[in-house]
Amino acid sequence: MKVSFVEFGKSYKEIKGEILKEIDRVLSVGDLILRDDVKKFEENLANFIGKKYAVGLNSGTDALYLSLKVLGIKSGDEVITSGYTFWATIEAIINCGATPILADIKEDLLINPEDIKRKITTKTKAIIPVHIGGTICDMEKICEITNFFGLFLIDDACQALGVGKFYGEISCFSFYPAKILGGFGDGGAITTNDKELTDKIKLLRNHGGKPHPQLVGYNSRLDNLQAAILNIKLKSLPKIIKRRREIAKIYDEKLKDIKEILLPISQVYQEYNIKSKERDELYEFLKENEIETIKGDYTFPIEVPENCKKANQEVLRLPIWPTLKDNQIKYICQKINEFYN
């Protein structure tokens, strides 16, 4: 049995009629850049998240970068984030001219609040907790830290749409196709309760206020066609999350007796990340059995803390795409059990 990590084509076919109808409508009237569909998506996303405002952008990476820019992060500043994250989180800090300070993670792959406290200096200006794999960080402790030291808080929620409440001044999301809410290309957004930050990010995303720039901006717009597609897919998000949880439950039940692996706990299961000291051997074994997995290996051209190094060597991402069938998931579990037995 062949099992793919993602099944973009199958997901598309489930909503093909509705998608094609919307694409035809958008292209027929020529509403392509920052039109009503973008505004509608921003309203829908803000309502879903429980924030007053949302701004559609061209990627989750730009969401992080522009968030730092509007908060005034600059050269000489330090921003603390997780050492176990996709490179874009760190990249955004560097591109602002600031210095990324990498905090270590706990066994659950989430940033360790105690290590955050150890890394704070007089140069620290912001903290970016990364809600990796669809699991919320320990925000009660992190908020205590940001409040005590007077630091900005930005949620890297690019893997965590749907987990519930977000606590940052700004929360950042990605709509890359493989995300829980994925478009048919790149896309991203921020949400916030701050109108001033919202208005400034809207200026920054569109060349500083096209056609009459008020500041030096960027080209970071969510295009109207992607917004129209995301409006359709957002309606199905609760169903998508429900299916991911169902798949995770099968994994949990079928793999719980394997002492050599650690199973994840997540809210929405953007990823199903297991940990194993035999990760590389298991990866190759599953590949031989036509099961596509991905090594959770976030390596950078900069040093990372010890637990992050360990995670890079041990994390394996199992397929959890919502169109996968129960028998496919059970086949994966059968092969993993076979490997360890």
C-alpha atoms as a PDB file:
ATOM      1  CA  MET A   1       0.000   0.000   0.000  1.00  0.00           C
ATOM      2  CA  LYS A   2       1.382   3.421  -0.956  1.00  0.00           C
ATOM      3  CA  VAL A   3       0.795   6.298   1.466  1.00  0.00           C
ATOM      4  CA  SER A   4       1.662   9.895   0.563  1.00  0.00           C
ATOM      5  CA  PHE A   5       2.474  12.495   3.188  1.00  0.00           C
ATOM      6  CA  VAL A   6       0.006  14.966   1.642  1.00  0.00           C
ATOM      7  CA  GLU A   7      -2.773  14.537  -0.920  1.00  0.00           C
ATOM      8  CA  PHE A   8      -3.354  17.950  -2.471  1.00  0.00           C
ATOM      9  CA  GLY A   9      -5.231  16.528  -5.466  1.00  0.00           C
ATOM     10  CA  LYS A  10      -7.743  14.574  -3.393  1.00  0.00           C
ATOM     11  CA  SER A  11      -8.442  17.593  -1.182  1.00  0.00           C
ATOM     12  CA  TYR A  12      -9.086  19.689  -4.278  1.00  0.00           C
ATOM     13  CA  LYS A  13     -11.471  17.166  -5.836  1.00  0.00           C
ATOM     14  CA  GLU A  14     -13.661  17.227  -2.707  1.00  0.00           C
ATOM     15  CA  ILE A  15     -14.476  20.922  -3.300  1.00  0.00           C
ATOM     16  CA  LYS A  16     -13.644  21.193  -7.012  1.00  0.00           C
ATOM     17  CA  GLY A  17     -17.037  22.489  -8.140  1.00  0.00           C
ATOM     18  CA  GLU A  18     -17.178  25.262  -5.575  1.00  0.00           C
ATOM     19  CA  ILE A  19     -13.541  26.234  -6.181  1.00  0.00           C
ATOM     20  CA  LEU A  20     -13.899  26.444  -9.962  1.00  0.00           C
ATOM     21  CA  LYS A  21     -17.049  28.521  -9.614  1.00  0.00           C
ATOM     22  CA  GLU A  22     -15.224  31.034  -7.399  1.00  0.00           C
ATOM     23  CA  ILE A  23     -12.170  31.150  -9.651  1.00  0.00           C
ATOM     24  CA  ASP A  24     -14.379  31.844 -12.653  1.00  0.00           C
ATOM     25  CA  ARG A  25     -16.222  34.602 -10.778  1.00  0.00           C
ATOM     26  CA  VAL A  26     -13.018  36.317  -9.655  1.00  0.00           C
ATOM     27  CA  LEU A  27     -11.328  36.123 -13.045  1.00  0.00           C
ATOM     28  CA  SER A  28     -14.461  37.119 -14.957  1.00  0.00           C
ATOM     29  CA  VAL A  29     -14.901  40.397 -13.081  1.00  0.00           C
ATOM     30  CA  GLY A  30     -11.146  41.020 -12.874  1.00  0.00           C
ATOM     31  CA  ASP A  31     -11.006  41.505  -9.088  1.00  0.00           C
ATOM     32  CA  LEU A  32      -7.419  40.420  -8.561  1.00  0.00           C
ATOM     33  CA  ILE A  33      -5.588  42.550  -5.966  1.00  0.00           C
ATOM     34  CA  LEU A  34      -6.914  43.709  -2.556  1.00  0.00           C
ATOM     35  CA  ARG A  35     -10.569  43.479  -3.516  1.00  0.00           C
ATOM     36  CA  ASP A  36     -13.708  42.396  -1.640  1.00  0.00           C
ATOM     37  CA  ASP A  37     -12.655  38.757  -1.302  1.00  0.00           C
ATOM     38  CA  VAL A  38      -9.560  39.781   0.664  1.00  0.00           C
ATOM     39  CA  LYS A  39     -11.641  42.016   2.909  1.00  0.00           C
ATOM     40  CA  LYS A  40     -14.164  39.228   3.433  1.00  0.00           C
ATOM     41  CA  PHE A  41     -11.417  36.730   4.278  1.00  0.00           C
ATOM     42  CA  GLU A  42      -9.865  39.140   6.765  1.00  0.00           C
ATOM     43  CA  GLU A  43     -13.220  39.519   8.488  1.00  0.00           C
ATOM     44  CA  ASN A  44     -13.819  35.765   8.490  1.00  0.00           C
ATOM     45  CA  LEU A  45     -10.359  35.007   9.848  1.00  0.00           C
ATOM     46  CA  ALA A  46     -10.593  37.617  12.592  1.00  0.00           C
ATOM     47  CA  ASN A  47     -13.946  36.184  13.672  1.00  0.00           C
ATOM     48  CA  PHE A  48     -12.581  32.633  13.650  1.00  0.00           C
ATOM     49  CA  ILE A  49      -9.552  33.595  15.751  1.00  0.00           C
ATOM     50  CA  GLY A  50     -11.533  35.872  18.059  1.00  0.00           C
ATOM     51  CA  LYS A  51      -9.615  39.059  17.263  1.00  0.00           C
ATOM     52  CA  LYS A  52     -10.847  42.431  16.068  1.00  0.00           C
ATOM     53  CA  TYR A  53      -8.639  42.668  12.986  1.00  0.00           C
ATOM     54  CA  ALA A  54      -6.848  40.547  10.413  1.00  0.00           C
ATOM     55  CA  VAL A  55      -4.571  41.536   7.537  1.00  0.00           C
ATOM     56  CA  GLY A  56      -3.996  39.220   4.574  1.00  0.00           C
ATOM     57  CA  LEU A  57      -0.363  38.939   3.444  1.00  0.00           C
ATOM     58  CA  ASN A  58       1.617  36.959   0.923  1.00  0.00           C
ATOM     59  CA  SER A  59       3.121  34.472   3.407  1.00  0.00           C
ATOM     60  CA  GLY A  60       3.534  33.484   7.023  1.00  0.00           C
ATOM     61  CA  THR A  61       7.156  34.605   6.720  1.00  0.00           C
ATOM     62  CA  ASP A  62       6.105  38.143   5.862  1.00  0.00           C
ATOM     63  CA  ALA A  63       3.539  38.036   8.665  1.00  0.00           C
ATOM     64  CA  LEU A  64       6.395  37.488  11.125  1.00  0.00           C
ATOM     65  CA  TYR A  65       8.664  40.049   9.486  1.00  0.00           C
ATOM     66  CA  LEU A  66       6.084  42.834   9.222  1.00  0.00           C
ATOM     67  CA  SER A  67       4.951  42.174  12.799  1.00  0.00           C
ATOM     68  CA  LEU A  68       8.484  42.809  14.021  1.00  0.00           C
ATOM     69  CA  LYS A  69       8.775  45.904  11.830  1.00  0.00           C
ATOM     70  CA  VAL A  70       5.594  47.560  13.104  1.00  0.00           C
ATOM     71  CA  LEU A  71       6.664  46.895  16.692  1.00  0.00           C
ATOM     72  CA  GLY A  72       9.876  48.786  16.012  1.00  0.00           C
ATOM     73  CA  ILE A  73      12.312  45.875  16.241  1.00  0.00           C
ATOM     74  CA  LYS A  74      15.628  46.962  14.752  1.00  0.00           C
ATOM     75  CA  SER A  75      19.388  46.545  14.734  1.00  0.00           C
ATOM     76  CA  GLY A  76      20.799  46.117  18.231  1.00  0.00           C
ATOM     77  CA  ASP A  77      17.634  44.484  19.565  1.00  0.00           C
ATOM     78  CA  GLU A  78      17.321  40.865  20.614  1.00  0.00           C
ATOM     79  CA  VAL A  79      14.289  38.654  20.012  1.00  0.00           C
ATOM     80  CA  ILE A  80      13.918  35.331  21.819  1.00  0.00           C
ATOM     81  CA  THR A  81      12.334  32.453  19.953  1.00  0.00           C
ATOM     82  CA  SER A  82      12.408  28.670  19.872  1.00  0.00           C
ATOM     83  CA  GLY A  83      15.469  26.843  18.606  1.00  0.00           C
ATOM     84  CA  TYR A  84      13.123  24.234  17.152  1.00  0.00           C
ATOM     85  CA  THR A  85      11.167  25.951  14.403  1.00  0.00           C
ATOM     86  CA  PHE A  86      11.101  26.448  10.671  1.00  0.00           C
ATOM     87  CA  TRP A  87      13.899  28.783   9.543  1.00  0.00           C
ATOM     88  CA  ALA A  88      11.434  31.559   8.607  1.00  0.00           C
ATOM     89  CA  THR A  89      10.904  32.477  12.274  1.00  0.00           C
ATOM     90  CA  ILE A  90      14.604  33.175  12.749  1.00  0.00           C
ATOM     91  CA  GLU A  91      14.983  34.621   9.259  1.00  0.00           C
ATOM     92  CA  ALA A  92      12.364  37.298   9.990  1.00  0.00           C
ATOM     93  CA  ILE A  93      14.293  38.429  13.084  1.00  0.00           C
ATOM     94  CA  ILE A  94      17.589  38.611  11.183  1.00  0.00           C
ATOM     95  CA  ASN A  95      16.013  40.518   8.287  1.00  0.00           C
ATOM     96  CA  CYS A  96      14.862  43.177  10.761  1.00  0.00           C
ATOM     97  CA  GLY A  97      18.492  43.646  11.754  1.00  0.00           C
ATOM     98  CA  ALA A  98      17.866  42.158  15.200  1.00  0.00           C
ATOM     99  CA  THR A  99      19.647  39.217  16.829  1.00  0.00           C
ATOM    100  CA  PRO A 100      17.735  35.947  17.282  1.00  0.00           C
ATOM    101  CA  ILE A 101      18.263  34.370  20.707  1.00  0.00           C
ATOM    102  CA  LEU A 102      17.289  30.720  20.617  1.00  0.00           C
ATOM    103  CA  ALA A 103      15.679  29.251  23.726  1.00  0.00           C
ATOM    104  CA  ASP A 104      15.642  25.524  24.308  1.00  0.00           C
ATOM    105  CA  ILE A 105      12.557  23.321  24.133  1.00  0.00           C
ATOM    106  CA  LYS A 106      10.844  20.860  26.446  1.00  0.00           C
ATOM    107  CA  GLU A 107      10.112  17.226  25.657  1.00  0.00           C
ATOM    108  CA  ASP A 108       6.913  18.319  23.852  1.00  0.00           C
ATOM    109  CA  LEU A 109       8.992  20.339  21.324  1.00  0.00           C
ATOM    110  CA  LEU A 110       7.647  23.657  22.662  1.00  0.00           C
ATOM    111  CA  ILE A 111       9.767  26.545  23.915  1.00  0.00           C
ATOM    112  CA  ASN A 112      10.795  26.293  27.561  1.00  0.00           C
ATOM    113  CA  PRO A 113       9.646  29.362  29.564  1.00  0.00           C
ATOM    114  CA  GLU A 114      12.437  28.803  32.096  1.00  0.00           C
ATOM    115  CA  ASP A 115      15.036  29.059  29.345  1.00  0.00           C
ATOM    116  CA  ILE A 116      13.325  32.189  28.024  1.00  0.00           C
ATOM    117  CA  LYS A 117      13.925  33.829  31.410  1.00  0.00           C
ATOM    118  CA  ARG A 118      17.583  32.781  31.359  1.00  0.00           C
ATOM    119  CA  LYS A 119      18.080  34.347  27.920  1.00  0.00           C
ATOM    120  CA  ILE A 120      16.589  37.805  28.665  1.00  0.00           C
ATOM    121  CA  THR A 121      19.007  40.756  28.600  1.00  0.00           C
ATOM    122  CA  THR A 122      18.668  44.536  28.488  1.00  0.00           C
ATOM    123  CA  LYS A 123      18.578  44.209  24.679  1.00  0.00           C
ATOM    124  CA  THR A 124      15.602  41.832  24.630  1.00  0.00           C
ATOM    125  CA  LYS A 125      12.585  43.467  23.008  1.00  0.00           C
ATOM    126  CA  ALA A 126      10.244  40.624  22.040  1.00  0.00           C
ATOM    127  CA  ILE A 127       9.442  36.930  22.419  1.00  0.00           C
ATOM    128  CA  ILE A 128       8.108  34.735  19.624  1.00  0.00           C
ATOM    129  CA  PRO A 129       6.738  31.438  20.975  1.00  0.00           C
ATOM    130  CA  VAL A 130       6.303  28.899  18.184  1.00  0.00           C
ATOM    131  CA  HIS A 131       3.198  26.733  18.491  1.00  0.00           C
ATOM    132  CA  ILE A 132       4.861  23.871  16.665  1.00  0.00           C
ATOM    133  CA  GLY A 133       2.782  21.097  15.136  1.00  0.00           C
ATOM    134  CA  GLY A 134      -0.537  22.603  16.215  1.00  0.00           C
ATOM    135  CA  THR A 135       0.216  22.633  19.946  1.00  0.00           C
ATOM    136  CA  ILE A 136      -0.068  25.789  22.054  1.00  0.00           C
ATOM    137  CA  CYS A 137       2.947  26.779  24.150  1.00  0.00           C
ATOM    138  CA  ASP A 138       2.755  27.391  27.908  1.00  0.00           C
ATOM    139  CA  MET A 139       1.306  30.848  27.379  1.00  0.00           C
ATOM    140  CA  GLU A 140       0.397  31.489  30.991  1.00  0.00           C
ATOM    141  CA  LYS A 141       4.068  31.419  31.985  1.00  0.00           C
ATOM    142  CA  ILE A 142       5.219  33.182  28.825  1.00  0.00           C
ATOM    143  CA  CYS A 143       2.717  36.010  29.348  1.00  0.00           C
ATOM    144  CA  GLU A 144       3.950  36.382  32.928  1.00  0.00           C
ATOM    145  CA  ILE A 145       7.464  36.844  31.553  1.00  0.00           C
ATOM    146  CA  THR A 146       6.514  39.362  28.856  1.00  0.00           C
ATOM    147  CA  ASN A 147       4.390  41.365  31.280  1.00  0.00           C
ATOM    148  CA  PHE A 148       7.084  41.422  33.979  1.00  0.00           C
ATOM    149  CA  PHE A 149       9.859  42.511  31.612  1.00  0.00           C
ATOM    150  CA  GLY A 150       7.693  44.714  29.363  1.00  0.00           C
ATOM    151  CA  LEU A 151       8.363  42.729  26.186  1.00  0.00           C
ATOM    152  CA  PHE A 152       6.365  42.401  22.989  1.00  0.00           C
ATOM    153  CA  LEU A 153       4.721  39.014  22.352  1.00  0.00           C
ATOM    154  CA  ILE A 154       4.228  37.679  18.826  1.00  0.00           C
ATOM    155  CA  ASP A 155       2.579  34.297  18.256  1.00  0.00           C
ATOM    156  CA  ASP A 156       4.165  32.204  15.533  1.00  0.00           C
ATOM    157  CA  ALA A 157       0.904  30.360  14.898  1.00  0.00           C
ATOM    158  CA  CYS A 158       1.783  29.320  11.341  1.00  0.00           C
ATOM    159  CA  GLN A 159       1.248  25.682  12.350  1.00  0.00           C
ATOM    160  CA  ALA A 160      -1.513  26.313  14.851  1.00  0.00           C
ATOM    161  CA  LEU A 161      -4.638  27.745  13.264  1.00  0.00           C
ATOM    162  CA  GLY A 162      -7.591  26.475  15.267  1.00  0.00           C
ATOM    163  CA  VAL A 163      -5.900  25.803  18.619  1.00  0.00           C
ATOM    164  CA  GLY A 164      -8.002  28.429  20.392  1.00  0.00           C
ATOM    165  CA  LYS A 165      -6.980  31.680  22.047  1.00  0.00           C
ATOM    166  CA  PHE A 166      -3.791  33.538  21.104  1.00  0.00           C
ATOM    167  CA  TYR A 167      -2.169  35.973  23.493  1.00  0.00           C
ATOM    168  CA  GLY A 168       0.290  38.059  21.484  1.00  0.00           C
ATOM    169  CA  GLU A 169      -0.037  41.658  20.391  1.00  0.00           C
ATOM    170  CA  ILE A 170       0.100  40.055  16.957  1.00  0.00           C
ATOM    171  CA  SER A 171      -0.453  36.450  15.852  1.00  0.00           C
ATOM    172  CA  CYS A 172       0.986  35.198  12.562  1.00  0.00           C
ATOM    173  CA  PHE A 173      -0.451  32.548  10.236  1.00  0.00           C
ATOM    174  CA  SER A 174       0.608  30.730   7.081  1.00  0.00           C
ATOM    175  CA  PHE A 175      -1.654  29.423   4.323  1.00  0.00           C
ATOM    176  CA  TYR A 176       1.034  27.460   2.531  1.00  0.00           C
ATOM    177  CA  PRO A 177      -0.712  24.515   0.809  1.00  0.00           C
ATOM    178  CA  ALA A 178       0.419  21.940   3.396  1.00  0.00           C
ATOM    179  CA  LYS A 179      -1.016  23.895   6.337  1.00  0.00           C
ATOM    180  CA  ILE A 180      -4.305  23.063   8.055  1.00  0.00           C
ATOM    181  CA  LEU A 181      -5.856  25.945   6.099  1.00  0.00           C
ATOM    182  CA  GLY A 182      -3.859  25.906   2.880  1.00  0.00           C
ATOM    183  CA  GLY A 183      -4.355  27.863  -0.304  1.00  0.00           C
ATOM    184  CA  PHE A 184      -3.324  26.905  -3.827  1.00  0.00           C
ATOM    185  CA  GLY A 185      -0.132  28.922  -3.473  1.00  0.00           C
ATOM    186  CA  ASP A 186       1.510  31.095  -0.868  1.00  0.00           C
ATOM    187  CA  GLY A 187      -0.460  33.167   1.605  1.00  0.00           C
ATOM    188  CA  GLY A 188      -0.383  34.439   5.167  1.00  0.00           C
ATOM    189  CA  ALA A 189      -2.008  36.818   7.633  1.00  0.00           C
ATOM    190  CA  ILE A 190      -1.763  38.491  11.011  1.00  0.00           C
ATOM    191  CA  THR A 191      -4.493  38.994  13.572  1.00  0.00           C
ATOM    192  CA  THR A 192      -4.556  41.577  16.348  1.00  0.00           C
ATOM    193  CA  ASN A 193      -6.834  43.711  18.506  1.00  0.00           C
ATOM    194  CA  ASP A 194      -4.756  46.830  17.818  1.00  0.00           C
ATOM    195  CA  LYS A 195      -6.144  49.098  15.077  1.00  0.00           C
ATOM    196  CA  GLU A 196      -2.979  51.191  14.837  1.00  0.00           C
ATOM    197  CA  LEU A 197      -0.855  48.121  14.183  1.00  0.00           C
ATOM    198  CA  THR A 198      -3.453  46.862  11.691  1.00  0.00           C
ATOM    199  CA  ASP A 199      -3.452  50.115   9.721  1.00  0.00           C
ATOM    200  CA  LYS A 200       0.337  50.259   9.615  1.00  0.00           C
ATOM    201  CA  ILE A 201       0.698  46.660   8.414  1.00  0.00           C
ATOM    202  CA  LYS A 202      -1.863  47.395   5.688  1.00  0.00           C
ATOM    203  CA  LEU A 203       0.362  50.259   4.559  1.00  0.00           C
ATOM    204  CA  LEU A 204       3.526  48.170   4.711  1.00  0.00           C
ATOM    205  CA  ARG A 205       2.037  45.288   2.690  1.00  0.00           C
ATOM    206  CA  ASN A 206       1.193  47.627  -0.213  1.00  0.00           C
ATOM    207  CA  HIS A 207       4.312  49.690  -0.890  1.00  0.00           C
ATOM    208  CA  GLY A 208       3.712  51.992   2.073  1.00  0.00           C
ATOM    209  CA  GLY A 209       0.302  53.162   0.875  1.00  0.00           C
ATOM    210  CA  LYS A 210      -0.084  52.872  -2.887  1.00  0.00           C
ATOM    211  CA  PRO A 211      -0.500  55.152  -4.847  1.00  0.00           C
ATOM    212  CA  HIS A 212       0.632  57.784  -2.314  1.00  0.00           C
ATOM    213  CA  PRO A 213       3.235  56.159  -0.019  1.00  0.00           C
ATOM    214  CA  GLN A 214       3.269  57.288   3.602  1.00  0.00           C
ATOM    215  CA  LEU A 215       6.337  55.179   4.413  1.00  0.00           C
ATOM    216  CA  VAL A 216       8.735  52.720   2.784  1.00  0.00           C
ATOM    217  CA  GLY A 217       6.816  49.490   2.422  1.00  0.00           C
ATOM    218  CA  TYR A 218       6.872  46.127   0.684  1.00  0.00           C
ATOM    219  CA  ASN A 219       4.910  44.072  -1.806  1.00  0.00           C
ATOM    220  CA  SER A 220       3.238  41.567   0.516  1.00  0.00           C
ATOM    221  CA  ARG A 221      -0.383  41.321  -0.525  1.00  0.00           C
ATOM    222  CA  LEU A 222      -2.634  38.289  -0.290  1.00  0.00           C
ATOM    223  CA  ASP A 223      -4.067  38.139  -3.792  1.00  0.00           C
ATOM    224  CA  ASN A 224      -7.799  38.105  -4.280  1.00  0.00           C
ATOM    225  CA  LEU A 225      -7.923  34.691  -5.940  1.00  0.00           C
ATOM    226  CA  GLN A 226      -6.232  32.994  -2.963  1.00  0.00           C
ATOM    227  CA  ALA A 227      -8.536  34.878  -0.594  1.00  0.00           C
ATOM    228  CA  ALA A 228     -11.598  33.584  -2.455  1.00  0.00           C
ATOM    229  CA  ILE A 229     -10.256  30.018  -2.202  1.00  0.00           C
ATOM    230  CA  LEU A 230      -9.427  30.424   1.489  1.00  0.00           C
ATOM    231  CA  ASN A 231     -12.931  31.719   2.197  1.00  0.00           C
ATOM    232  CA  ILE A 232     -14.296  28.432   0.865  1.00  0.00           C
ATOM    233  CA  LYS A 233     -11.810  26.272   2.749  1.00  0.00           C
ATOM    234  CA  LEU A 234     -12.214  28.181   6.030  1.00  0.00           C
ATOM    235  CA  LYS A 235     -15.823  26.943   6.216  1.00  0.00           C
ATOM    236  CA  SER A 236     -14.517  23.366   6.295  1.00  0.00           C
ATOM    237  CA  LEU A 237     -11.785  24.001   8.878  1.00  0.00           C
ATOM    238  CA  PRO A 238     -13.670  22.498  11.861  1.00  0.00           C
ATOM    239  CA  LYS A 239     -14.293  19.353   9.792  1.00  0.00           C
ATOM    240  CA  ILE A 240     -10.611  19.226   8.778  1.00  0.00           C
ATOM    241  CA  ILE A 241      -9.450  19.549  12.381  1.00  0.00           C
ATOM    242  CA  LYS A 242     -11.952  16.867  13.464  1.00  0.00           C
ATOM    243  CA  ARG A 243     -10.562  14.458  10.875  1.00  0.00           C
ATOM    244  CA  ARG A 244      -6.965  15.147  11.925  1.00  0.00           C
ATOM    245  CA  ARG A 245      -7.916  14.357  15.522  1.00  0.00           C
ATOM    246  CA  GLU A 246      -9.555  11.120  14.386  1.00  0.00           C
ATOM    247  CA  ILE A 247      -6.381  10.069  12.593  1.00  0.00           C
ATOM    248  CA  ALA A 248      -4.280  11.003  15.624  1.00  0.00           C
ATOM    249  CA  LYS A 249      -6.531   8.864  17.812  1.00  0.00           C
ATOM    250  CA  ILE A 250      -5.837   5.839  15.604  1.00  0.00           C
ATOM    251  CA  TYR A 251      -2.089   6.478  15.827  1.00  0.00           C
ATOM    252  CA  ASP A 252      -2.345   6.876  19.612  1.00  0.00           C
ATOM    253  CA  GLU A 253      -4.202   3.603  20.033  1.00  0.00           C
ATOM    254  CA  LYS A 254      -2.089   1.524  17.656  1.00  0.00           C
ATOM    255  CA  LEU A 255       1.317   2.877  18.734  1.00  0.00           C
ATOM    256  CA  LYS A 256       0.827   3.357  22.478  1.00  0.00           C
ATOM    257  CA  ASP A 257       2.585   0.124  23.473  1.00  0.00           C
ATOM    258  CA  ILE A 258       5.824   0.876  21.626  1.00  0.00           C
ATOM    259  CA  LYS A 259       8.186   1.977  24.385  1.00  0.00           C
ATOM    260  CA  GLU A 260      10.843   3.162  21.929  1.00  0.00           C
ATOM    261  CA  ILE A 261       8.759   6.071  20.619  1.00  0.00           C
ATOM    262  CA  LEU A 262       7.203   9.127  22.224  1.00  0.00           C
ATOM    263  CA  LEU A 263       3.777  10.143  20.929  1.00  0.00           C
ATOM    264  CA  PRO A 264       2.629  13.776  20.598  1.00  0.00           C
ATOM    265  CA  ILE A 265      -0.147  15.683  22.304  1.00  0.00           C
ATOM    266  CA  SER A 266      -1.714  18.394  20.159  1.00  0.00           C
ATOM    267  CA  GLN A 267      -4.824  20.529  19.806  1.00  0.00           C
ATOM    268  CA  VAL A 268      -5.236  20.452  16.034  1.00  0.00           C
ATOM    269  CA  TYR A 269      -2.480  18.099  14.792  1.00  0.00           C
ATOM    270  CA  GLN A 270      -0.965  20.187  12.043  1.00  0.00           C
ATOM    271  CA  GLU A 271       1.714  17.528  12.409  1.00  0.00           C
ATOM    272  CA  TYR A 272       1.834  14.128  14.101  1.00  0.00           C
ATOM    273  CA  ASN A 273       5.404  14.187  15.409  1.00  0.00           C
ATOM    274  CA  ILE A 274       6.769  11.063  17.008  1.00  0.00           C
ATOM    275  CA  LYS A 275      10.215  10.862  18.609  1.00  0.00           C
ATOM    276  CA  SER A 276      12.519   7.887  18.311  1.00  0.00           C
ATOM    277  CA  LYS A 277      16.244   7.283  18.753  1.00  0.00           C
ATOM    278  CA  GLU A 278      15.976   5.008  15.695  1.00  0.00           C
ATOM    279  CA  ARG A 279      14.327   7.777  13.659  1.00  0.00           C
ATOM    280  CA  ASP A 280      16.557   7.479  10.593  1.00  0.00           C
ATOM    281  CA  GLU A 281      16.278   3.684  10.451  1.00  0.00           C
ATOM    282  CA  LEU A 282      12.495   3.880  10.881  1.00  0.00           C
ATOM    283  CA  TYR A 283      12.302   6.517   8.129  1.00  0.00           C
ATOM    284  CA  GLU A 284      14.148   4.230   5.712  1.00  0.00           C
ATOM    285  CA  PHE A 285      12.050   1.206   6.684  1.00  0.00           C
ATOM    286  CA  LEU A 286       8.796   3.086   6.059  1.00  0.00           C
ATOM    287  CA  LYS A 287      10.148   4.435   2.783  1.00  0.00           C
ATOM    288  CA  GLU A 288      10.892   0.867   1.657  1.00  0.00           C
ATOM    289  CA  ASN A 289       7.250   0.085   2.408  1.00  0.00           C
ATOM    290  CA  GLU A 290       6.068   3.066   0.302  1.00  0.00           C
ATOM    291  CA  ILE A 291       5.093   5.196   3.296  1.00  0.00           C
ATOM    292  CA  GLU A 292       6.155   8.813   2.913  1.00  0.00           C
ATOM    293  CA  THR A 293       7.269  10.520   6.128  1.00  0.00           C
ATOM    294  CA  ILE A 294       9.335  13.636   6.813  1.00  0.00           C
ATOM    295  CA  LYS A 295      12.196  14.012   9.229  1.00  0.00           C
ATOM    296  CA  GLY A 296      11.477  16.831  11.668  1.00  0.00           C
ATOM    297  CA  ASP A 297      14.933  18.246  11.182  1.00  0.00           C
ATOM    298  CA  TYR A 298      15.122  22.046  11.554  1.00  0.00           C
ATOM    299  CA  THR A 299      18.829  22.676  11.017  1.00  0.00           C
ATOM    300  CA  PHE A 300      20.188  26.224  10.646  1.00  0.00           C
ATOM    301  CA  PRO A 301      23.492  27.942   9.857  1.00  0.00           C
ATOM    302  CA  ILE A 302      23.558  29.017  13.524  1.00  0.00           C
ATOM    303  CA  GLU A 303      23.966  27.085  16.769  1.00  0.00           C
ATOM    304  CA  VAL A 304      20.861  25.669  18.475  1.00  0.00           C
ATOM    305  CA  PRO A 305      20.325  24.510  22.091  1.00  0.00           C
ATOM    306  CA  GLU A 306      20.864  20.894  23.153  1.00  0.00           C
ATOM    307  CA  ASN A 307      17.252  19.682  23.288  1.00  0.00           C
ATOM    308  CA  CYS A 308      16.674  21.185  19.844  1.00  0.00           C
ATOM    309  CA  LYS A 309      19.657  19.254  18.479  1.00  0.00           C
ATOM    310  CA  LYS A 310      18.205  16.084  19.984  1.00  0.00           C
ATOM    311  CA  ALA A 311      14.795  16.766  18.411  1.00  0.00           C
ATOM    312  CA  ASN A 312      16.452  17.274  15.025  1.00  0.00           C
ATOM    313  CA  GLN A 313      17.827  13.751  15.326  1.00  0.00           C
ATOM    314  CA  GLU A 314      14.704  12.051  16.686  1.00  0.00           C
ATOM    315  CA  VAL A 315      11.492  13.637  15.320  1.00  0.00           C
ATOM    316  CA  LEU A 316       9.607  11.940  12.509  1.00  0.00           C
ATOM    317  CA  ARG A 317       6.450  13.429  11.001  1.00  0.00           C
ATOM    318  CA  LEU A 318       3.837  10.829  10.104  1.00  0.00           C
ATOM    319  CA  PRO A 319       1.124  11.446   7.476  1.00  0.00           C
ATOM    320  CA  ILE A 320      -1.999  13.051   8.924  1.00  0.00           C
ATOM    321  CA  TRP A 321      -3.581  14.572   5.802  1.00  0.00           C
ATOM    322  CA  PRO A 322      -7.378  14.608   6.282  1.00  0.00           C
ATOM    323  CA  THR A 323      -8.155  12.688   3.064  1.00  0.00           C
ATOM    324  CA  LEU A 324      -6.157   9.658   4.246  1.00  0.00           C
ATOM    325  CA  LYS A 325      -8.270   6.579   4.929  1.00  0.00           C
ATOM    326  CA  ASP A 326      -8.346   4.672   8.212  1.00  0.00           C
ATOM    327  CA  ASN A 327      -6.862   1.590   6.551  1.00  0.00           C
ATOM    328  CA  GLN A 328      -3.868   3.654   5.388  1.00  0.00           C
ATOM    329  CA  ILE A 329      -3.223   4.907   8.908  1.00  0.00           C
ATOM    330  CA  LYS A 330      -3.560   1.372  10.284  1.00  0.00           C
ATOM    331  CA  TYR A 331      -1.094   0.164   7.643  1.00  0.00           C
ATOM    332  CA  ILE A 332       1.432   2.763   8.818  1.00  0.00           C
ATOM    333  CA  CYS A 333       0.925   1.640  12.413  1.00  0.00           C
ATOM    334  CA  GLN A 334       1.293  -2.002  11.389  1.00  0.00           C
ATOM    335  CA  LYS A 335       4.637  -1.277   9.732  1.00  0.00           C
ATOM    336  CA  ILE A 336       5.908   0.769  12.684  1.00  0.00           C
ATOM    337  CA  ASN A 337       5.002  -2.047  15.046  1.00  0.00           C
ATOM    338  CA  GLU A 338       6.679  -4.469  12.689  1.00  0.00           C
ATOM    339  CA  PHE A 339       9.857  -2.371  12.749  1.00  0.00           C
ATOM    340  CA  TYR A 340      10.066  -2.366  16.538  1.00  0.00           C
ATOM    341  CA  ASN A 341       9.108  -6.033  16.952  1.00  0.00           C
END
